Amino acid sequence: MEKCAVTGGAGFIGSHLVERLLRMGCEVTVVDNLFMGSMENIAHHMKNKKFRFERVSILGGKFCGIFNGTDRGPSLTNSLASL
């Protein structure tokens, strides 16, 4: 099972990518500070065991800590976050 990270995954384009990755059976972590994105775009995934949401900016130090540990790191990252 592929582990994927989508920065900006709560945005319009990112949320559609998240939808597709989940349908493909991937474990998906969305990293978004919700500055441009919306919880409405991803709220329906919150109960999915293969979905995880982290509300952090990709510019802050907290972003680096999200994937610490060998079992949590993604094998695929899609960056759709705006700076």
C-alpha atoms as a PDB file:
ATOM      1  CA  MET A   1       0.000   0.000   0.000  1.00  0.00           C
ATOM      2  CA  GLU A   2       1.433   3.357  -1.079  1.00  0.00           C
ATOM      3  CA  LYS A   3       1.795   6.138   1.507  1.00  0.00           C
ATOM      4  CA  CYS A   4       1.207   9.558  -0.015  1.00  0.00           C
ATOM      5  CA  ALA A   5       1.425  13.120   1.247  1.00  0.00           C
ATOM      6  CA  VAL A   6      -0.438  15.989  -0.372  1.00  0.00           C
ATOM      7  CA  THR A   7       0.501  19.506   0.675  1.00  0.00           C
ATOM      8  CA  GLY A   8      -2.355  21.859  -0.106  1.00  0.00           C
ATOM      9  CA  GLY A   9      -4.670  18.856  -0.072  1.00  0.00           C
ATOM     10  CA  ALA A  10      -7.645  20.838   1.273  1.00  0.00           C
ATOM     11  CA  GLY A  11      -7.698  23.076  -1.791  1.00  0.00           C
ATOM     12  CA  PHE A  12      -9.831  22.486  -4.874  1.00  0.00           C
ATOM     13  CA  ILE A  13      -7.236  20.628  -6.948  1.00  0.00           C
ATOM     14  CA  GLY A  14      -5.568  18.956  -3.965  1.00  0.00           C
ATOM     15  CA  SER A  15      -8.833  17.573  -2.617  1.00  0.00           C
ATOM     16  CA  HIS A  16      -9.583  15.931  -5.953  1.00  0.00           C
ATOM     17  CA  LEU A  17      -6.128  14.344  -5.958  1.00  0.00           C
ATOM     18  CA  VAL A  18      -6.731  13.100  -2.398  1.00  0.00           C
ATOM     19  CA  GLU A  19     -10.030  11.570  -3.512  1.00  0.00           C
ATOM     20  CA  ARG A  20      -8.314   9.716  -6.346  1.00  0.00           C
ATOM     21  CA  LEU A  21      -5.432   8.462  -4.185  1.00  0.00           C
ATOM     22  CA  LEU A  22      -7.830   7.105  -1.566  1.00  0.00           C
ATOM     23  CA  ARG A  23      -9.857   5.320  -4.253  1.00  0.00           C
ATOM     24  CA  MET A  24      -6.600   3.724  -5.432  1.00  0.00           C
ATOM     25  CA  GLY A  25      -6.084   2.344  -1.910  1.00  0.00           C
ATOM     26  CA  CYS A  26      -3.311   4.706  -0.814  1.00  0.00           C
ATOM     27  CA  GLU A  27      -2.798   5.966   2.710  1.00  0.00           C
ATOM     28  CA  VAL A  28      -3.005   9.753   2.385  1.00  0.00           C
ATOM     29  CA  THR A  29      -1.720  12.480   4.683  1.00  0.00           C
ATOM     30  CA  VAL A  30      -2.938  15.982   3.858  1.00  0.00           C
ATOM     31  CA  VAL A  31      -0.825  18.878   5.086  1.00  0.00           C
ATOM     32  CA  ASP A  32      -2.631  22.197   4.799  1.00  0.00           C
ATOM     33  CA  ASN A  33      -2.824  25.367   6.889  1.00  0.00           C
ATOM     34  CA  LEU A  34      -6.289  26.115   5.452  1.00  0.00           C
ATOM     35  CA  PHE A  35      -5.234  29.591   4.321  1.00  0.00           C
ATOM     36  CA  MET A  36      -6.562  28.914   0.828  1.00  0.00           C
ATOM     37  CA  GLY A  37      -8.023  25.421   1.328  1.00  0.00           C
ATOM     38  CA  SER A  38     -11.197  24.448   3.141  1.00  0.00           C
ATOM     39  CA  MET A  39     -12.173  21.683   5.545  1.00  0.00           C
ATOM     40  CA  GLU A  40     -15.348  21.324   3.472  1.00  0.00           C
ATOM     41  CA  ASN A  41     -13.226  19.822   0.688  1.00  0.00           C
ATOM     42  CA  ILE A  42     -11.869  17.005   2.866  1.00  0.00           C
ATOM     43  CA  ALA A  43     -14.321  16.639   5.779  1.00  0.00           C
ATOM     44  CA  HIS A  44     -15.931  13.541   4.280  1.00  0.00           C
ATOM     45  CA  HIS A  45     -12.579  11.700   4.560  1.00  0.00           C
ATOM     46  CA  MET A  46     -12.039  12.309   8.277  1.00  0.00           C
ATOM     47  CA  LYS A  47     -13.455   8.911   9.325  1.00  0.00           C
ATOM     48  CA  ASN A  48     -11.434   7.034   6.699  1.00  0.00           C
ATOM     49  CA  LYS A  49      -8.652   5.041   8.399  1.00  0.00           C
ATOM     50  CA  LYS A  50      -6.390   5.652   5.404  1.00  0.00           C
ATOM     51  CA  PHE A  51      -6.716   9.435   5.697  1.00  0.00           C
ATOM     52  CA  ARG A  52      -4.874  11.798   8.022  1.00  0.00           C
ATOM     53  CA  PHE A  53      -5.058  15.596   8.180  1.00  0.00           C
ATOM     54  CA  GLU A  54      -2.365  17.848   9.640  1.00  0.00           C
ATOM     55  CA  ARG A  55      -3.185  21.545   9.896  1.00  0.00           C
ATOM     56  CA  VAL A  56       0.273  23.083   9.628  1.00  0.00           C
ATOM     57  CA  SER A  57       2.121  25.387   7.274  1.00  0.00           C
ATOM     58  CA  ILE A  58       4.813  23.906   5.065  1.00  0.00           C
ATOM     59  CA  LEU A  59       6.951  26.901   6.042  1.00  0.00           C
ATOM     60  CA  GLY A  60       7.069  26.154   9.760  1.00  0.00           C
ATOM     61  CA  GLY A  61       9.198  23.782  11.773  1.00  0.00           C
ATOM     62  CA  LYS A  62       6.198  21.595  12.624  1.00  0.00           C
ATOM     63  CA  PHE A  63       6.033  20.421   9.013  1.00  0.00           C
ATOM     64  CA  CYS A  64       9.326  18.527   9.336  1.00  0.00           C
ATOM     65  CA  GLY A  65       8.095  16.637  12.402  1.00  0.00           C
ATOM     66  CA  ILE A  66       4.977  15.234  10.757  1.00  0.00           C
ATOM     67  CA  PHE A  67       6.793  12.386   9.055  1.00  0.00           C
ATOM     68  CA  ASN A  68       9.363  11.485  11.715  1.00  0.00           C
ATOM     69  CA  GLY A  69       9.697   7.745  12.134  1.00  0.00           C
ATOM     70  CA  THR A  70      10.239   5.088   9.532  1.00  0.00           C
ATOM     71  CA  ASP A  71       6.632   3.885   9.424  1.00  0.00           C
ATOM     72  CA  ARG A  72       5.098   7.321   8.811  1.00  0.00           C
ATOM     73  CA  GLY A  73       7.097   8.709   5.893  1.00  0.00           C
ATOM     74  CA  PRO A  74       5.402   8.931   2.498  1.00  0.00           C
ATOM     75  CA  SER A  75       6.757   7.198  -0.565  1.00  0.00           C
ATOM     76  CA  LEU A  76       5.090   9.817  -2.774  1.00  0.00           C
ATOM     77  CA  THR A  77       4.648  13.540  -2.129  1.00  0.00           C
ATOM     78  CA  ASN A  78       2.521  15.911  -4.201  1.00  0.00           C
ATOM     79  CA  SER A  79       3.089  19.574  -3.441  1.00  0.00           C
ATOM     80  CA  LEU A  80       0.105  21.755  -4.285  1.00  0.00           C
ATOM     81  CA  ALA A  81       0.596  24.250  -1.446  1.00  0.00           C
ATOM     82  CA  SER A  82       0.847  27.921  -2.295  1.00  0.00           C
ATOM     83  CA  LEU A  83       3.545  30.003  -0.674  1.00  0.00           C
END
